[in-house]
All heavy atoms as atom14 arrays in JSON, in Angstrom:
{
  "sequence": "KKVPAGYQKDHPQAEYLKYKSWYLEYPMEDDELRDAAVFVTKAAE",
  "atom14_mask": [
    [1, 1, 1, 1, 1, 1, 1, 1, 1, 0, 0, 0, 0, 0],
    [1, 1, 1, 1, 1, 1, 1, 1, 1, 0, 0, 0, 0, 0],
    [1, 1, 1, 1, 1, 1, 1, 0, 0, 0, 0, 0, 0, 0],
    [1, 1, 1, 1, 1, 1, 1, 0, 0, 0, 0, 0, 0, 0],
    [1, 1, 1, 1, 1, 0, 0, 0, 0, 0, 0, 0, 0, 0],
    [1, 1, 1, 1, 0, 0, 0, 0, 0, 0, 0, 0, 0, 0],
    [1, 1, 1, 1, 1, 1, 1, 1, 1, 1, 1, 1, 0, 0],
    [1, 1, 1, 1, 1, 1, 1, 1, 1, 0, 0, 0, 0, 0],
    [1, 1, 1, 1, 1, 1, 1, 1, 1, 0, 0, 0, 0, 0],
    [1, 1, 1, 1, 1, 1, 1, 1, 0, 0, 0, 0, 0, 0],
    [1, 1, 1, 1, 1, 1, 1, 1, 1, 1, 0, 0, 0, 0],
    [1, 1, 1, 1, 1, 1, 1, 0, 0, 0, 0, 0, 0, 0],
    [1, 1, 1, 1, 1, 1, 1, 1, 1, 0, 0, 0, 0, 0],
    [1, 1, 1, 1, 1, 0, 0, 0, 0, 0, 0, 0, 0, 0],
    [1, 1, 1, 1, 1, 1, 1, 1, 1, 0, 0, 0, 0, 0],
    [1, 1, 1, 1, 1, 1, 1, 1, 1, 1, 1, 1, 0, 0],
    [1, 1, 1, 1, 1, 1, 1, 1, 0, 0, 0, 0, 0, 0],
    [1, 1, 1, 1, 1, 1, 1, 1, 1, 0, 0, 0, 0, 0],
    [1, 1, 1, 1, 1, 1, 1, 1, 1, 1, 1, 1, 0, 0],
    [1, 1, 1, 1, 1, 1, 1, 1, 1, 0, 0, 0, 0, 0],
    [1, 1, 1, 1, 1, 1, 0, 0, 0, 0, 0, 0, 0, 0],
    [1, 1, 1, 1, 1, 1, 1, 1, 1, 1, 1, 1, 1, 1],
    [1, 1, 1, 1, 1, 1, 1, 1, 1, 1, 1, 1, 0, 0],
    [1, 1, 1, 1, 1, 1, 1, 1, 0, 0, 0, 0, 0, 0],
    [1, 1, 1, 1, 1, 1, 1, 1, 1, 0, 0, 0, 0, 0],
    [1, 1, 1, 1, 1, 1, 1, 1, 1, 1, 1, 1, 0, 0],
    [1, 1, 1, 1, 1, 1, 1, 0, 0, 0, 0, 0, 0, 0],
    [1, 1, 1, 1, 1, 1, 1, 1, 0, 0, 0, 0, 0, 0],
    [1, 1, 1, 1, 1, 1, 1, 1, 1, 0, 0, 0, 0, 0],
    [1, 1, 1, 1, 1, 1, 1, 1, 0, 0, 0, 0, 0, 0],
    [1, 1, 1, 1, 1, 1, 1, 1, 0, 0, 0, 0, 0, 0],
    [1, 1, 1, 1, 1, 1, 1, 1, 1, 0, 0, 0, 0, 0],
    [1, 1, 1, 1, 1, 1, 1, 1, 0, 0, 0, 0, 0, 0],
    [1, 1, 1, 1, 1, 1, 1, 1, 1, 1, 1, 0, 0, 0],
    [1, 1, 1, 1, 1, 1, 1, 1, 0, 0, 0, 0, 0, 0],
    [1, 1, 1, 1, 1, 0, 0, 0, 0, 0, 0, 0, 0, 0],
    [1, 1, 1, 1, 1, 0, 0, 0, 0, 0, 0, 0, 0, 0],
    [1, 1, 1, 1, 1, 1, 1, 0, 0, 0, 0, 0, 0, 0],
    [1, 1, 1, 1, 1, 1, 1, 1, 1, 1, 1, 0, 0, 0],
    [1, 1, 1, 1, 1, 1, 1, 0, 0, 0, 0, 0, 0, 0],
    [1, 1, 1, 1, 1, 1, 1, 0, 0, 0, 0, 0, 0, 0],
    [1, 1, 1, 1, 1, 1, 1, 1, 1, 0, 0, 0, 0, 0],
    [1, 1, 1, 1, 1, 0, 0, 0, 0, 0, 0, 0, 0, 0],
    [1, 1, 1, 1, 1, 0, 0, 0, 0, 0, 0, 0, 0, 0],
    [1, 1, 1, 1, 1, 1, 1, 1, 1, 0, 0, 0, 0, 0]
  ],
  "atom14_positions": [
    [[22.54, -4.38, -16.9], [22.85, -5.68, -16.29], [24.08, -5.59, -15.39], [24.21, -6.35, -14.43], [23.07, -6.73, -17.37], [21.8, -7.09, -18.13], [22.06, -8.18, -19.15], [20.76, -8.55, -19.87], [20.97, -9.6, -20.9], [0.0, 0.0, 0.0], [0.0, 0.0, 0.0], [0.0, 0.0, 0.0], [0.0, 0.0, 0.0], [0.0, 0.0, 0.0]],
    [[24.98, -4.64, -15.71], [26.22, -4.51, -14.94], [26.4, -3.08, -14.47], [25.83, -2.14, -15.05], [27.43, -4.93, -15.8], [27.42, -6.38, -16.24], [28.65, -6.69, -17.07], [28.67, -8.15, -17.5], [29.86, -8.48, -18.34], [0.0, 0.0, 0.0], [0.0, 0.0, 0.0], [0.0, 0.0, 0.0], [0.0, 0.0, 0.0], [0.0, 0.0, 0.0]],
    [[27.2, -2.89, -13.43], [27.55, -1.55, -12.99], [28.31, -0.85, -14.11], [29.25, -1.43, -14.68], [28.43, -1.61, -11.72], [28.88, -0.21, -11.3], [27.68, -2.28, -10.58], [0.0, 0.0, 0.0], [0.0, 0.0, 0.0], [0.0, 0.0, 0.0], [0.0, 0.0, 0.0], [0.0, 0.0, 0.0], [0.0, 0.0, 0.0], [0.0, 0.0, 0.0]],
    [[27.91, 0.35, -14.5], [28.56, 1.02, -15.64], [30.02, 1.38, -15.36], [30.44, 1.5, -14.2], [27.71, 2.27, -15.85], [27.03, 2.51, -14.55], [26.82, 1.16, -13.93], [0.0, 0.0, 0.0], [0.0, 0.0, 0.0], [0.0, 0.0, 0.0], [0.0, 0.0, 0.0], [0.0, 0.0, 0.0], [0.0, 0.0, 0.0], [0.0, 0.0, 0.0]],
    [[30.77, 1.53, -16.42], [32.18, 1.9, -16.31], [32.32, 3.21, -15.55], [31.5, 4.12, -15.68], [32.79, 2.05, -17.7], [0.0, 0.0, 0.0], [0.0, 0.0, 0.0], [0.0, 0.0, 0.0], [0.0, 0.0, 0.0], [0.0, 0.0, 0.0], [0.0, 0.0, 0.0], [0.0, 0.0, 0.0], [0.0, 0.0, 0.0], [0.0, 0.0, 0.0]],
    [[33.37, 3.29, -14.72], [33.62, 4.49, -13.95], [33.12, 4.41, -12.52], [33.36, 5.32, -11.72], [0.0, 0.0, 0.0], [0.0, 0.0, 0.0], [0.0, 0.0, 0.0], [0.0, 0.0, 0.0], [0.0, 0.0, 0.0], [0.0, 0.0, 0.0], [0.0, 0.0, 0.0], [0.0, 0.0, 0.0], [0.0, 0.0, 0.0], [0.0, 0.0, 0.0]],
    [[32.43, 3.32, -12.18], [31.91, 3.13, -10.82], [32.41, 1.79, -10.27], [32.57, 0.83, -11.02], [30.38, 3.16, -10.8], [29.8, 4.43, -11.34], [29.43, 4.53, -12.69], [29.63, 5.55, -10.54], [28.91, 5.7, -13.2], [29.1, 6.73, -11.04], [28.74, 6.8, -12.38], [28.23, 7.97, -12.89], [0.0, 0.0, 0.0], [0.0, 0.0, 0.0]],
    [[32.64, 1.76, -8.98], [33.14, 0.54, -8.35], [32.08, -0.56, -8.39], [30.93, -0.34, -8.01], [33.51, 0.81, -6.89], [34.63, 1.83, -6.7], [34.84, 2.17, -5.23], [33.97, 1.93, -4.4], [36.01, 2.7, -4.92], [0.0, 0.0, 0.0], [0.0, 0.0, 0.0], [0.0, 0.0, 0.0], [0.0, 0.0, 0.0], [0.0, 0.0, 0.0]],
    [[32.51, -1.72, -8.85], [31.57, -2.85, -8.95], [31.08, -3.31, -7.57], [30.0, -3.87, -7.44], [32.22, -4.01, -9.7], [32.42, -3.74, -11.19], [33.02, -4.93, -11.88], [33.08, -4.73, -13.39], [33.84, -3.55, -13.79], [0.0, 0.0, 0.0], [0.0, 0.0, 0.0], [0.0, 0.0, 0.0], [0.0, 0.0, 0.0], [0.0, 0.0, 0.0]],
    [[31.91, -3.08, -6.54], [31.52, -3.48, -5.19], [31.03, -2.3, -4.35], [31.02, -2.36, -3.12], [32.69, -4.18, -4.49], [33.92, -3.27, -4.37], [33.92, -2.18, -4.98], [34.88, -3.66, -3.66], [0.0, 0.0, 0.0], [0.0, 0.0, 0.0], [0.0, 0.0, 0.0], [0.0, 0.0, 0.0], [0.0, 0.0, 0.0], [0.0, 0.0, 0.0]],
    [[30.62, -1.23, -5.01], [30.09, -0.07, -4.29], [28.85, -0.5, -3.49], [28.05, -1.32, -3.97], [29.71, 1.03, -5.29], [29.39, 2.35, -4.67], [28.18, 2.61, -4.05], [30.12, 3.49, -4.56], [28.19, 3.85, -3.59], [29.35, 4.41, -3.9], [0.0, 0.0, 0.0], [0.0, 0.0, 0.0], [0.0, 0.0, 0.0], [0.0, 0.0, 0.0]],
    [[28.67, 0.02, -2.26], [27.5, -0.37, -1.45], [26.16, -0.16, -2.16], [25.2, -0.88, -1.89], [27.62, 0.51, -0.22], [29.07, 0.83, -0.12], [29.57, 0.92, -1.52], [0.0, 0.0, 0.0], [0.0, 0.0, 0.0], [0.0, 0.0, 0.0], [0.0, 0.0, 0.0], [0.0, 0.0, 0.0], [0.0, 0.0, 0.0], [0.0, 0.0, 0.0]],
    [[26.11, 0.83, -3.07], [24.87, 1.08, -3.82], [24.99, 0.62, -5.28], [24.35, 1.18, -6.17], [24.51, 2.57, -3.77], [23.92, 3.02, -2.44], [24.97, 3.1, -1.34], [26.02, 3.69, -1.54], [24.69, 2.5, -0.19], [0.0, 0.0, 0.0], [0.0, 0.0, 0.0], [0.0, 0.0, 0.0], [0.0, 0.0, 0.0], [0.0, 0.0, 0.0]],
    [[25.78, -0.41, -5.5], [26.05, -0.87, -6.86], [24.77, -1.17, -7.64], [24.66, -0.83, -8.83], [26.95, -2.11, -6.83], [0.0, 0.0, 0.0], [0.0, 0.0, 0.0], [0.0, 0.0, 0.0], [0.0, 0.0, 0.0], [0.0, 0.0, 0.0], [0.0, 0.0, 0.0], [0.0, 0.0, 0.0], [0.0, 0.0, 0.0], [0.0, 0.0, 0.0]],
    [[23.8, -1.79, -6.99], [22.56, -2.13, -7.68], [21.85, -0.89, -8.2], [21.3, -0.9, -9.31], [21.63, -2.93, -6.76], [22.05, -4.37, -6.55], [22.18, -5.14, -7.86], [21.21, -5.13, -8.65], [23.25, -5.73, -8.11], [0.0, 0.0, 0.0], [0.0, 0.0, 0.0], [0.0, 0.0, 0.0], [0.0, 0.0, 0.0], [0.0, 0.0, 0.0]],
    [[21.88, 0.19, -7.42], [21.2, 1.41, -7.85], [22.03, 2.2, -8.86], [21.47, 3.02, -9.6], [20.86, 2.27, -6.63], [19.81, 1.63, -5.76], [20.15, 1.09, -4.52], [18.5, 1.54, -6.19], [19.18, 0.48, -3.72], [17.52, 0.93, -5.4], [17.87, 0.4, -4.17], [16.92, -0.2, -3.4], [0.0, 0.0, 0.0], [0.0, 0.0, 0.0]],
    [[23.33, 1.96, -8.91], [24.17, 2.62, -9.92], [23.91, 2.03, -11.31], [24.25, 2.65, -12.31], [25.65, 2.48, -9.55], [26.08, 3.17, -8.26], [27.55, 2.93, -7.99], [25.79, 4.68, -8.31], [0.0, 0.0, 0.0], [0.0, 0.0, 0.0], [0.0, 0.0, 0.0], [0.0, 0.0, 0.0], [0.0, 0.0, 0.0], [0.0, 0.0, 0.0]],
    [[23.32, 0.86, -11.37], [22.97, 0.25, -12.66], [21.76, 0.95, -13.29], [21.55, 0.87, -14.49], [22.63, -1.23, -12.48], [23.77, -2.11, -12.02], [23.27, -3.54, -11.82], [24.34, -4.45, -11.27], [23.82, -5.83, -11.04], [0.0, 0.0, 0.0], [0.0, 0.0, 0.0], [0.0, 0.0, 0.0], [0.0, 0.0, 0.0], [0.0, 0.0, 0.0]],
    [[20.99, 1.63, -12.46], [19.75, 2.23, -12.95], [20.02, 3.39, -13.91], [21.01, 4.1, -13.8], [18.92, 2.74, -11.77], [18.15, 1.68, -11.01], [18.73, 0.44, -10.73], [16.88, 1.92, -10.54], [18.04, -0.52, -10.01], [16.17, 0.96, -9.81], [16.77, -0.26, -9.56], [16.07, -1.2, -8.85], [0.0, 0.0, 0.0], [0.0, 0.0, 0.0]],
    [[19.1, 3.56, -14.84], [19.1, 4.73, -15.73], [17.99, 5.72, -15.35], [17.98, 6.86, -15.8], [18.93, 4.3, -17.19], [20.08, 3.45, -17.72], [19.99, 3.28, -19.22], [18.86, 2.35, -19.63], [18.83, 2.12, -21.1], [0.0, 0.0, 0.0], [0.0, 0.0, 0.0], [0.0, 0.0, 0.0], [0.0, 0.0, 0.0], [0.0, 0.0, 0.0]],
    [[17.04, 5.24, -14.56], [15.97, 6.07, -14.01], [15.64, 5.53, -12.63], [15.88, 4.35, -12.34], [14.73, 6.05, -14.92], [14.33, 4.71, -15.18], [0.0, 0.0, 0.0], [0.0, 0.0, 0.0], [0.0, 0.0, 0.0], [0.0, 0.0, 0.0], [0.0, 0.0, 0.0], [0.0, 0.0, 0.0], [0.0, 0.0, 0.0], [0.0, 0.0, 0.0]],
    [[15.11, 6.41, -11.79], [14.79, 6.05, -10.41], [13.42, 6.64, -10.08], [13.29, 7.87, -9.98], [15.84, 6.61, -9.44], [17.23, 6.14, -9.69], [17.91, 5.16, -9.02], [18.16, 6.63, -10.66], [19.18, 5.0, -9.51], [19.37, 5.9, -10.53], [18.08, 7.62, -11.65], [20.48, 6.13, -11.33], [19.19, 7.84, -12.46], [20.37, 7.1, -12.29]],
    [[12.42, 5.8, -9.96], [11.09, 6.35, -9.73], [10.27, 5.46, -8.79], [10.65, 4.33, -8.48], [10.35, 6.57, -11.05], [10.14, 5.33, -11.9], [9.08, 4.46, -11.65], [10.97, 5.06, -12.99], [8.86, 3.34, -12.43], [10.77, 3.94, -13.79], [9.71, 3.09, -13.51], [9.51, 1.98, -14.3], [0.0, 0.0, 0.0], [0.0, 0.0, 0.0]],
    [[9.14, 6.03, -8.36], [8.23, 5.36, -7.43], [6.85, 5.3, -8.06], [6.45, 6.23, -8.77], [8.14, 6.13, -6.11], [9.46, 6.52, -5.43], [9.17, 7.4, -4.22], [10.25, 5.28, -5.02], [0.0, 0.0, 0.0], [0.0, 0.0, 0.0], [0.0, 0.0, 0.0], [0.0, 0.0, 0.0], [0.0, 0.0, 0.0], [0.0, 0.0, 0.0]],
    [[6.14, 4.23, -7.79], [4.75, 4.1, -8.23], [3.91, 3.51, -7.11], [4.33, 2.52, -6.49], [4.63, 3.21, -9.46], [5.2, 3.8, -10.74], [4.99, 2.9, -11.95], [4.51, 1.75, -11.75], [5.3, 3.32, -13.07], [0.0, 0.0, 0.0], [0.0, 0.0, 0.0], [0.0, 0.0, 0.0], [0.0, 0.0, 0.0], [0.0, 0.0, 0.0]],
    [[2.76, 4.11, -6.86], [1.81, 3.57, -5.91], [0.51, 3.35, -6.66], [-0.19, 4.3, -7.03], [1.59, 4.51, -4.72], [0.63, 3.95, -3.7], [1.06, 3.08, -2.71], [-0.74, 4.26, -3.77], [0.17, 2.53, -1.8], [-1.63, 3.72, -2.85], [-1.17, 2.86, -1.88], [-2.05, 2.31, -0.97], [0.0, 0.0, 0.0], [0.0, 0.0, 0.0]],
    [[0.15, 2.08, -6.96], [-1.06, 1.81, -7.75], [-2.32, 2.1, -6.96], [-2.36, 1.96, -5.73], [-0.94, 0.31, -8.06], [-0.11, -0.24, -6.96], [0.86, 0.85, -6.58], [0.0, 0.0, 0.0], [0.0, 0.0, 0.0], [0.0, 0.0, 0.0], [0.0, 0.0, 0.0], [0.0, 0.0, 0.0], [0.0, 0.0, 0.0], [0.0, 0.0, 0.0]],
    [[-3.37, 2.53, -7.68], [-4.65, 2.82, -7.04], [-5.78, 2.2, -7.84], [-5.85, 2.34, -9.06], [-4.85, 4.33, -6.91], [-3.76, 5.04, -6.12], [-4.26, 6.65, -5.49], [-5.18, 6.18, -4.02], [0.0, 0.0, 0.0], [0.0, 0.0, 0.0], [0.0, 0.0, 0.0], [0.0, 0.0, 0.0], [0.0, 0.0, 0.0], [0.0, 0.0, 0.0]],
    [[-6.65, 1.5, -7.13], [-7.84, 0.9, -7.74], [-8.91, 1.97, -7.95], [-8.92, 3.01, -7.29], [-8.38, -0.22, -6.86], [-7.42, -1.39, -6.68], [-7.13, -2.12, -7.97], [-8.03, -2.13, -8.85], [-6.02, -2.67, -8.11], [0.0, 0.0, 0.0], [0.0, 0.0, 0.0], [0.0, 0.0, 0.0], [0.0, 0.0, 0.0], [0.0, 0.0, 0.0]],
    [[-9.84, 1.68, -8.85], [-10.9, 2.65, -9.15], [-11.68, 3.03, -7.9], [-12.06, 4.2, -7.73], [-11.85, 2.07, -10.2], [-11.2, 1.88, -11.56], [-10.02, 2.29, -11.71], [-11.85, 1.33, -12.46], [0.0, 0.0, 0.0], [0.0, 0.0, 0.0], [0.0, 0.0, 0.0], [0.0, 0.0, 0.0], [0.0, 0.0, 0.0], [0.0, 0.0, 0.0]],
    [[-11.93, 2.07, -7.02], [-12.71, 2.35, -5.81], [-12.03, 3.39, -4.91], [-12.71, 4.11, -4.17], [-12.94, 1.07, -5.01], [-14.0, 0.18, -5.64], [-14.73, 0.68, -6.53], [-14.09, -1.01, -5.26], [0.0, 0.0, 0.0], [0.0, 0.0, 0.0], [0.0, 0.0, 0.0], [0.0, 0.0, 0.0], [0.0, 0.0, 0.0], [0.0, 0.0, 0.0]],
    [[-10.69, 3.46, -4.98], [-9.96, 4.43, -4.16], [-10.09, 5.86, -4.7], [-9.71, 6.81, -4.03], [-8.48, 4.05, -4.08], [-8.21, 2.72, -3.39], [-6.74, 2.39, -3.37], [-6.06, 2.81, -2.42], [-6.27, 1.7, -4.3], [0.0, 0.0, 0.0], [0.0, 0.0, 0.0], [0.0, 0.0, 0.0], [0.0, 0.0, 0.0], [0.0, 0.0, 0.0]],
    [[-10.62, 5.98, -5.9], [-10.74, 7.29, -6.55], [-12.16, 7.85, -6.48], [-12.38, 9.02, -6.78], [-10.33, 7.19, -8.02], [-8.88, 6.77, -8.29], [-8.72, 6.28, -9.72], [-7.94, 7.94, -8.05], [0.0, 0.0, 0.0], [0.0, 0.0, 0.0], [0.0, 0.0, 0.0], [0.0, 0.0, 0.0], [0.0, 0.0, 0.0], [0.0, 0.0, 0.0]],
    [[-13.11, 7.04, -6.09], [-14.51, 7.45, -6.22], [-14.9, 8.58, -5.26], [-15.73, 9.42, -5.61], [-15.44, 6.24, -6.02], [-15.24, 5.19, -7.1], [-16.3, 4.12, -7.1], [-15.9, 2.95, -7.85], [-15.88, 2.85, -9.17], [-16.26, 3.88, -9.9], [-15.5, 1.73, -9.76], [0.0, 0.0, 0.0], [0.0, 0.0, 0.0], [0.0, 0.0, 0.0]],
    [[-14.31, 8.6, -4.08], [-14.54, 9.7, -3.13], [-13.38, 10.68, -3.28], [-12.27, 10.43, -2.81], [-14.63, 9.17, -1.7], [-15.04, 10.24, -0.7], [-14.55, 11.39, -0.82], [-15.84, 9.93, 0.19], [0.0, 0.0, 0.0], [0.0, 0.0, 0.0], [0.0, 0.0, 0.0], [0.0, 0.0, 0.0], [0.0, 0.0, 0.0], [0.0, 0.0, 0.0]],
    [[-13.63, 11.78, -3.94], [-12.57, 12.72, -4.29], [-11.84, 13.26, -3.07], [-10.61, 13.36, -3.05], [-13.13, 13.87, -5.12], [0.0, 0.0, 0.0], [0.0, 0.0, 0.0], [0.0, 0.0, 0.0], [0.0, 0.0, 0.0], [0.0, 0.0, 0.0], [0.0, 0.0, 0.0], [0.0, 0.0, 0.0], [0.0, 0.0, 0.0], [0.0, 0.0, 0.0]],
    [[-12.58, 13.62, -2.04], [-11.97, 14.21, -0.84], [-11.05, 13.2, -0.15], [-9.94, 13.55, 0.28], [-13.05, 14.69, 0.12], [0.0, 0.0, 0.0], [0.0, 0.0, 0.0], [0.0, 0.0, 0.0], [0.0, 0.0, 0.0], [0.0, 0.0, 0.0], [0.0, 0.0, 0.0], [0.0, 0.0, 0.0], [0.0, 0.0, 0.0], [0.0, 0.0, 0.0]],
    [[-11.5, 11.96, -0.06], [-10.69, 10.91, 0.56], [-9.44, 10.66, -0.29], [-8.32, 10.52, 0.24], [-11.5, 9.6, 0.72], [-10.59, 8.45, 1.15], [-12.61, 9.8, 1.73], [0.0, 0.0, 0.0], [0.0, 0.0, 0.0], [0.0, 0.0, 0.0], [0.0, 0.0, 0.0], [0.0, 0.0, 0.0], [0.0, 0.0, 0.0], [0.0, 0.0, 0.0]],
    [[-9.63, 10.64, -1.61], [-8.48, 10.43, -2.5], [-7.44, 11.53, -2.34], [-6.23, 11.26, -2.25], [-8.94, 10.37, -3.96], [-7.81, 10.52, -4.93], [-6.91, 9.49, -5.15], [-7.62, 11.72, -5.61], [-5.83, 9.65, -6.02], [-6.55, 11.89, -6.48], [-5.66, 10.84, -6.69], [0.0, 0.0, 0.0], [0.0, 0.0, 0.0], [0.0, 0.0, 0.0]],
    [[-7.87, 12.79, -2.33], [-6.95, 13.92, -2.22], [-6.14, 13.82, -0.93], [-4.92, 14.02, -0.93], [-7.71, 15.26, -2.3], [-6.83, 16.42, -1.84], [-8.17, 15.51, -3.73], [0.0, 0.0, 0.0], [0.0, 0.0, 0.0], [0.0, 0.0, 0.0], [0.0, 0.0, 0.0], [0.0, 0.0, 0.0], [0.0, 0.0, 0.0], [0.0, 0.0, 0.0]],
    [[-6.79, 13.49, 0.16], [-6.11, 13.36, 1.45], [-5.06, 12.25, 1.41], [-3.92, 12.44, 1.85], [-7.12, 13.08, 2.57], [-8.04, 14.17, 2.66], [-6.42, 12.91, 3.91], [0.0, 0.0, 0.0], [0.0, 0.0, 0.0], [0.0, 0.0, 0.0], [0.0, 0.0, 0.0], [0.0, 0.0, 0.0], [0.0, 0.0, 0.0], [0.0, 0.0, 0.0]],
    [[-5.44, 11.1, 0.86], [-4.51, 9.97, 0.8], [-3.35, 10.26, -0.15], [-2.19, 9.99, 0.17], [-5.23, 8.7, 0.35], [-4.31, 7.49, 0.28], [-5.07, 6.21, -0.01], [-4.12, 5.01, -0.02], [-4.84, 3.72, -0.23], [0.0, 0.0, 0.0], [0.0, 0.0, 0.0], [0.0, 0.0, 0.0], [0.0, 0.0, 0.0], [0.0, 0.0, 0.0]],
    [[-3.66, 10.81, -1.32], [-2.61, 11.1, -2.31], [-1.61, 12.1, -1.75], [-0.39, 11.92, -1.9], [-3.24, 11.64, -3.59], [0.0, 0.0, 0.0], [0.0, 0.0, 0.0], [0.0, 0.0, 0.0], [0.0, 0.0, 0.0], [0.0, 0.0, 0.0], [0.0, 0.0, 0.0], [0.0, 0.0, 0.0], [0.0, 0.0, 0.0], [0.0, 0.0, 0.0]],
    [[-2.09, 13.15, -1.1], [-1.19, 14.15, -0.53], [-0.29, 13.54, 0.53], [0.9, 13.86, 0.62], [-1.99, 15.32, 0.04], [0.0, 0.0, 0.0], [0.0, 0.0, 0.0], [0.0, 0.0, 0.0], [0.0, 0.0, 0.0], [0.0, 0.0, 0.0], [0.0, 0.0, 0.0], [0.0, 0.0, 0.0], [0.0, 0.0, 0.0], [0.0, 0.0, 0.0]],
    [[-0.83, 12.65, 1.35], [-0.03, 12.0, 2.38], [1.06, 11.12, 1.77], [2.21, 11.11, 2.23], [-0.93, 11.16, 3.3], [-0.21, 10.34, 4.35], [0.59, 11.19, 5.35], [0.46, 12.43, 5.34], [1.36, 10.58, 6.13], [0.0, 0.0, 0.0], [0.0, 0.0, 0.0], [0.0, 0.0, 0.0], [0.0, 0.0, 0.0], [0.0, 0.0, 0.0]]
  ]
}
């Protein structure tokens, strides 16, 4: 909820300093998986 001790509360990246993990997710519907070749190309991109 707060910037952890040892970091400036007004740091330009203060919101990201609160994080304990940093990850990305791109959801995919079943229909996007049905054509394997198309899926592989899109996933790699």
